[in-house]
């Protein structure tokens, strides 16, 4: 599965790197690319049951999910 998550608060590459590392650490995530320029996180994962964990990993870096 692939999900594009739009975010607010990811203003620089350092924050994008932290978000990317956090989401990549979620069990079941196969790929993650966070882009501060596009204000989005693109995630590939195995099972819809981990979507809450993905959202939590993003939010744990002070970034808000808008869609």
C-alpha atoms as a PDB file:
ATOM      1  CA  UNK A   1       0.000   0.000   0.000  1.00  0.00           C
ATOM      2  CA  UNK A   2       1.098   3.570  -0.571  1.00  0.00           C
ATOM      3  CA  UNK A   3      -0.155   6.676   1.175  1.00  0.00           C
ATOM      4  CA  UNK A   4       0.612  10.343   0.582  1.00  0.00           C
ATOM      5  CA  UNK A   5       0.241  12.311   3.804  1.00  0.00           C
ATOM      6  CA  UNK A   6       0.139  16.105   3.699  1.00  0.00           C
ATOM      7  CA  UNK A   7       1.626  17.870   6.704  1.00  0.00           C
ATOM      8  CA  UNK A   8       2.222  21.291   8.264  1.00  0.00           C
ATOM      9  CA  UNK A   9       5.293  22.191  10.288  1.00  0.00           C
ATOM     10  CA  UNK A  10       7.990  20.351   8.346  1.00  0.00           C
ATOM     11  CA  UNK A  11       9.872  23.502   7.349  1.00  0.00           C
ATOM     12  CA  UNK A  12      13.409  22.238   6.770  1.00  0.00           C
ATOM     13  CA  UNK A  13      15.433  19.215   5.706  1.00  0.00           C
ATOM     14  CA  UNK A  14      16.437  18.439   9.291  1.00  0.00           C
ATOM     15  CA  UNK A  15      12.808  18.003  10.335  1.00  0.00           C
ATOM     16  CA  UNK A  16      12.031  16.041   7.169  1.00  0.00           C
ATOM     17  CA  UNK A  17      14.931  13.707   7.972  1.00  0.00           C
ATOM     18  CA  UNK A  18      13.634  13.161  11.500  1.00  0.00           C
ATOM     19  CA  UNK A  19      10.133  12.420  10.212  1.00  0.00           C
ATOM     20  CA  UNK A  20      11.504  10.053   7.589  1.00  0.00           C
ATOM     21  CA  UNK A  21      13.592   8.189  10.170  1.00  0.00           C
ATOM     22  CA  UNK A  22      10.679   7.941  12.610  1.00  0.00           C
ATOM     23  CA  UNK A  23       8.259   6.610  10.023  1.00  0.00           C
ATOM     24  CA  UNK A  24      10.856   4.220   8.580  1.00  0.00           C
ATOM     25  CA  UNK A  25      11.220   2.764  12.071  1.00  0.00           C
ATOM     26  CA  UNK A  26       7.582   1.668  12.190  1.00  0.00           C
ATOM     27  CA  UNK A  27       7.288  -2.096  11.728  1.00  0.00           C
ATOM     28  CA  UNK A  28       5.713  -2.822   8.335  1.00  0.00           C
ATOM     29  CA  UNK A  29       6.901   0.352   6.605  1.00  0.00           C
ATOM     30  CA  UNK A  30       8.879  -0.618   3.508  1.00  0.00           C
ATOM     31  CA  UNK A  31       9.778   2.875   2.262  1.00  0.00           C
ATOM     32  CA  UNK A  32       9.327   6.482   3.347  1.00  0.00           C
ATOM     33  CA  UNK A  33      10.208   9.787   1.702  1.00  0.00           C
ATOM     34  CA  UNK A  34       9.534  13.037   3.560  1.00  0.00           C
ATOM     35  CA  UNK A  35       9.681  16.274   1.570  1.00  0.00           C
ATOM     36  CA  UNK A  36       9.665  19.662   3.266  1.00  0.00           C
ATOM     37  CA  UNK A  37       9.335  21.346  -0.141  1.00  0.00           C
ATOM     38  CA  UNK A  38       6.101  19.472  -0.928  1.00  0.00           C
ATOM     39  CA  UNK A  39       4.911  19.347   2.715  1.00  0.00           C
ATOM     40  CA  UNK A  40       4.239  15.661   2.333  1.00  0.00           C
ATOM     41  CA  UNK A  41       5.308  12.234   3.504  1.00  0.00           C
ATOM     42  CA  UNK A  42       5.048   9.375   1.011  1.00  0.00           C
ATOM     43  CA  UNK A  43       4.882   5.998   2.753  1.00  0.00           C
ATOM     44  CA  UNK A  44       4.860   2.434   1.422  1.00  0.00           C
ATOM     45  CA  UNK A  45       3.656  -0.140   3.937  1.00  0.00           C
ATOM     46  CA  UNK A  46       2.314  -3.669   4.212  1.00  0.00           C
ATOM     47  CA  UNK A  47      -0.836  -3.443   6.312  1.00  0.00           C
ATOM     48  CA  UNK A  48      -3.501  -0.788   6.913  1.00  0.00           C
ATOM     49  CA  UNK A  49      -3.445  -1.638  10.624  1.00  0.00           C
ATOM     50  CA  UNK A  50      -0.225   0.385  11.064  1.00  0.00           C
ATOM     51  CA  UNK A  51      -1.645   3.687   9.767  1.00  0.00           C
ATOM     52  CA  UNK A  52      -2.156   4.996  13.323  1.00  0.00           C
ATOM     53  CA  UNK A  53       1.481   4.157  14.153  1.00  0.00           C
ATOM     54  CA  UNK A  54       2.634   6.011  11.029  1.00  0.00           C
ATOM     55  CA  UNK A  55       0.572   9.084  11.995  1.00  0.00           C
ATOM     56  CA  UNK A  56       1.962   8.913  15.527  1.00  0.00           C
ATOM     57  CA  UNK A  57       5.537   8.730  14.231  1.00  0.00           C
ATOM     58  CA  UNK A  58       4.960  11.867  12.154  1.00  0.00           C
ATOM     59  CA  UNK A  59       3.288  13.759  14.991  1.00  0.00           C
ATOM     60  CA  UNK A  60       6.055  12.835  17.444  1.00  0.00           C
ATOM     61  CA  UNK A  61       8.313  15.244  15.541  1.00  0.00           C
ATOM     62  CA  UNK A  62       6.049  18.264  16.054  1.00  0.00           C
ATOM     63  CA  UNK A  63       4.560  17.981  12.580  1.00  0.00           C
ATOM     64  CA  UNK A  64       0.779  18.180  12.092  1.00  0.00           C
ATOM     65  CA  UNK A  65      -1.079  15.973   9.624  1.00  0.00           C
ATOM     66  CA  UNK A  66      -3.611  17.786   7.439  1.00  0.00           C
ATOM     67  CA  UNK A  67      -4.547  15.002   5.025  1.00  0.00           C
END
